Amino acid sequence: MSNNIAPRESEISLAELRGDCARMAPHWVVPATDASIPVAPSLIHGVTVPAASARLIDAMADYGD
């Protein structure tokens, strides 16, 4: 069993948490990526939706009606 046991959440202050995040931030490098190009719906194949999911979405007023 490890001797490095993390303290309970209630024992960590917000200032400590922010400090931890600030120290870790330089390690979180976002890789440079090209802007994604939208794909035409006609090129999307093989997507299947279970009938129960389709009925659920169809029953939602925002989507089905």
N, C-alpha and C. Protein backbone atom coordinates (compact mmCIF):
# COMPACT_ATOMS: atom_id res chain seq x y z
N MET A 1 0.84 -1.18 0.00
CA MET A 1 0.00 0.00 0.00
C MET A 1 0.89 1.24 0.00
N SER A 2 0.53 2.23 -0.72
CA SER A 2 1.32 3.44 -0.86
C SER A 2 1.21 4.34 0.36
N ASN A 3 2.32 5.01 0.69
CA ASN A 3 2.31 5.98 1.78
C ASN A 3 1.80 7.33 1.32
N ASN A 4 1.69 7.54 0.02
CA ASN A 4 1.22 8.81 -0.53
C ASN A 4 -0.29 8.76 -0.71
N ILE A 5 -0.99 9.03 0.34
CA ILE A 5 -2.45 9.01 0.30
C ILE A 5 -2.94 10.43 0.15
N ALA A 6 -3.77 10.66 -0.85
CA ALA A 6 -4.29 12.00 -1.09
C ALA A 6 -5.24 12.39 0.04
N PRO A 7 -5.21 13.67 0.45
CA PRO A 7 -6.12 14.11 1.50
C PRO A 7 -7.55 14.11 0.99
N ARG A 8 -8.46 14.06 1.91
CA ARG A 8 -9.88 14.13 1.53
C ARG A 8 -10.15 15.47 0.88
N GLU A 9 -11.15 15.53 0.00
CA GLU A 9 -11.46 16.75 -0.72
C GLU A 9 -11.72 17.92 0.21
N SER A 10 -12.34 17.68 1.35
CA SER A 10 -12.67 18.76 2.26
C SER A 10 -11.42 19.37 2.88
N GLU A 11 -10.29 18.68 2.79
CA GLU A 11 -9.05 19.19 3.38
C GLU A 11 -8.24 20.02 2.39
N ILE A 12 -8.66 20.08 1.15
CA ILE A 12 -7.95 20.83 0.12
C ILE A 12 -8.66 22.16 -0.08
N SER A 13 -7.92 23.26 0.01
CA SER A 13 -8.54 24.57 -0.18
C SER A 13 -8.58 24.91 -1.66
N LEU A 14 -9.41 25.87 -1.99
CA LEU A 14 -9.50 26.31 -3.38
C LEU A 14 -8.17 26.91 -3.83
N ALA A 15 -7.51 27.62 -2.95
CA ALA A 15 -6.22 28.22 -3.30
C ALA A 15 -5.19 27.13 -3.63
N GLU A 16 -5.19 26.04 -2.87
CA GLU A 16 -4.26 24.94 -3.15
C GLU A 16 -4.60 24.30 -4.49
N LEU A 17 -5.87 24.13 -4.75
CA LEU A 17 -6.29 23.53 -6.01
C LEU A 17 -5.88 24.41 -7.19
N ARG A 18 -6.08 25.71 -7.07
CA ARG A 18 -5.69 26.63 -8.15
C ARG A 18 -4.18 26.61 -8.34
N GLY A 19 -3.44 26.52 -7.25
CA GLY A 19 -1.98 26.45 -7.36
C GLY A 19 -1.54 25.18 -8.07
N ASP A 20 -2.18 24.07 -7.73
CA ASP A 20 -1.86 22.81 -8.40
C ASP A 20 -2.13 22.92 -9.90
N CYS A 21 -3.26 23.51 -10.25
CA CYS A 21 -3.61 23.66 -11.67
C CYS A 21 -2.62 24.56 -12.39
N ALA A 22 -2.21 25.65 -11.73
CA ALA A 22 -1.26 26.56 -12.35
C ALA A 22 0.08 25.87 -12.60
N ARG A 23 0.49 25.01 -11.69
CA ARG A 23 1.76 24.29 -11.89
C ARG A 23 1.64 23.25 -13.00
N MET A 24 0.47 22.70 -13.19
CA MET A 24 0.28 21.67 -14.20
C MET A 24 0.01 22.25 -15.59
N ALA A 25 -0.47 23.48 -15.67
CA ALA A 25 -0.87 24.08 -16.94
C ALA A 25 0.20 24.01 -18.01
N PRO A 26 1.48 24.29 -17.70
CA PRO A 26 2.49 24.22 -18.77
C PRO A 26 2.63 22.83 -19.40
N HIS A 27 2.18 21.80 -18.71
CA HIS A 27 2.27 20.44 -19.24
C HIS A 27 1.13 20.13 -20.21
N TRP A 28 0.10 20.95 -20.21
CA TRP A 28 -1.07 20.71 -21.04
C TRP A 28 -0.96 21.49 -22.33
N VAL A 29 -0.11 21.05 -23.21
CA VAL A 29 0.12 21.72 -24.47
C VAL A 29 -0.92 21.24 -25.48
N VAL A 30 -1.55 22.18 -26.14
CA VAL A 30 -2.54 21.84 -27.16
C VAL A 30 -1.82 21.72 -28.49
N PRO A 31 -1.89 20.56 -29.13
CA PRO A 31 -1.21 20.41 -30.41
C PRO A 31 -1.85 21.28 -31.49
N ALA A 32 -1.01 21.79 -32.36
CA ALA A 32 -1.51 22.60 -33.47
C ALA A 32 -2.21 21.68 -34.46
N THR A 33 -3.42 22.03 -34.81
CA THR A 33 -4.18 21.22 -35.77
C THR A 33 -4.76 22.14 -36.84
N ASP A 34 -5.00 21.58 -37.97
CA ASP A 34 -5.65 22.33 -39.04
C ASP A 34 -7.15 22.39 -38.73
N ALA A 35 -7.78 23.42 -39.23
CA ALA A 35 -9.23 23.54 -39.06
C ALA A 35 -9.90 22.37 -39.77
N SER A 36 -10.85 21.75 -39.12
CA SER A 36 -11.53 20.62 -39.74
C SER A 36 -12.46 21.10 -40.84
N ILE A 37 -12.54 20.31 -41.87
CA ILE A 37 -13.39 20.62 -43.02
C ILE A 37 -14.69 19.82 -42.87
N PRO A 38 -15.84 20.50 -42.96
CA PRO A 38 -17.10 19.77 -42.83
C PRO A 38 -17.23 18.68 -43.90
N VAL A 39 -17.86 17.59 -43.52
CA VAL A 39 -18.07 16.47 -44.42
C VAL A 39 -19.52 16.49 -44.89
N ALA A 40 -19.71 16.31 -46.16
CA ALA A 40 -21.06 16.28 -46.72
C ALA A 40 -21.83 15.08 -46.14
N PRO A 41 -23.08 15.27 -45.76
CA PRO A 41 -23.86 14.15 -45.22
C PRO A 41 -23.92 12.94 -46.15
N SER A 42 -23.83 13.16 -47.44
CA SER A 42 -23.90 12.05 -48.39
C SER A 42 -22.67 11.15 -48.30
N LEU A 43 -21.59 11.63 -47.69
CA LEU A 43 -20.38 10.84 -47.56
C LEU A 43 -20.33 10.03 -46.26
N ILE A 44 -21.30 10.26 -45.38
CA ILE A 44 -21.32 9.54 -44.10
C ILE A 44 -22.11 8.25 -44.29
N HIS A 45 -21.44 7.13 -44.08
CA HIS A 45 -22.08 5.83 -44.26
C HIS A 45 -21.86 4.97 -43.01
N GLY A 46 -22.74 4.05 -42.78
CA GLY A 46 -22.55 3.07 -41.72
C GLY A 46 -23.02 3.50 -40.35
N VAL A 47 -23.73 4.61 -40.25
CA VAL A 47 -24.24 5.04 -38.95
C VAL A 47 -25.60 4.40 -38.75
N THR A 48 -25.72 3.67 -37.66
CA THR A 48 -27.01 3.05 -37.35
C THR A 48 -27.48 3.54 -36.00
N VAL A 49 -28.77 3.70 -35.87
CA VAL A 49 -29.37 4.16 -34.62
C VAL A 49 -30.37 3.11 -34.17
N PRO A 50 -30.23 2.61 -32.94
CA PRO A 50 -31.19 1.63 -32.45
C PRO A 50 -32.62 2.21 -32.46
N ALA A 51 -33.57 1.36 -32.71
CA ALA A 51 -34.97 1.80 -32.81
C ALA A 51 -35.43 2.51 -31.53
N ALA A 52 -35.02 2.01 -30.37
CA ALA A 52 -35.43 2.63 -29.11
C ALA A 52 -34.90 4.06 -29.01
N SER A 53 -33.68 4.27 -29.46
CA SER A 53 -33.10 5.61 -29.43
C SER A 53 -33.82 6.53 -30.40
N ALA A 54 -34.14 6.01 -31.57
CA ALA A 54 -34.84 6.81 -32.56
C ALA A 54 -36.22 7.21 -32.04
N ARG A 55 -36.91 6.29 -31.37
CA ARG A 55 -38.22 6.60 -30.80
C ARG A 55 -38.09 7.65 -29.70
N LEU A 56 -37.05 7.55 -28.90
CA LEU A 56 -36.84 8.51 -27.82
C LEU A 56 -36.64 9.91 -28.40
N ILE A 57 -35.82 10.03 -29.41
CA ILE A 57 -35.58 11.34 -30.03
C ILE A 57 -36.84 11.83 -30.73
N ASP A 58 -37.53 10.92 -31.38
CA ASP A 58 -38.77 11.30 -32.08
C ASP A 58 -39.81 11.83 -31.10
N ALA A 59 -39.81 11.32 -29.88
CA ALA A 59 -40.78 11.76 -28.88
C ALA A 59 -40.43 13.11 -28.26
N MET A 60 -39.21 13.58 -28.46
CA MET A 60 -38.80 14.86 -27.88
C MET A 60 -39.31 15.99 -28.78
N ALA A 61 -39.98 16.95 -28.19
CA ALA A 61 -40.59 18.04 -28.97
C ALA A 61 -39.54 18.82 -29.75
N ASP A 62 -38.35 18.98 -29.19
CA ASP A 62 -37.31 19.76 -29.88
C ASP A 62 -36.86 19.12 -31.18
N TYR A 63 -36.97 17.78 -31.30
CA TYR A 63 -36.41 17.08 -32.44
C TYR A 63 -37.47 16.38 -33.31
N GLY A 64 -38.45 15.78 -32.69
CA GLY A 64 -39.34 14.90 -33.43
C GLY A 64 -40.50 15.54 -34.15
N ASP A 65 -40.97 16.66 -33.63
CA ASP A 65 -42.20 17.21 -34.21
C ASP A 65 -41.99 18.16 -35.33
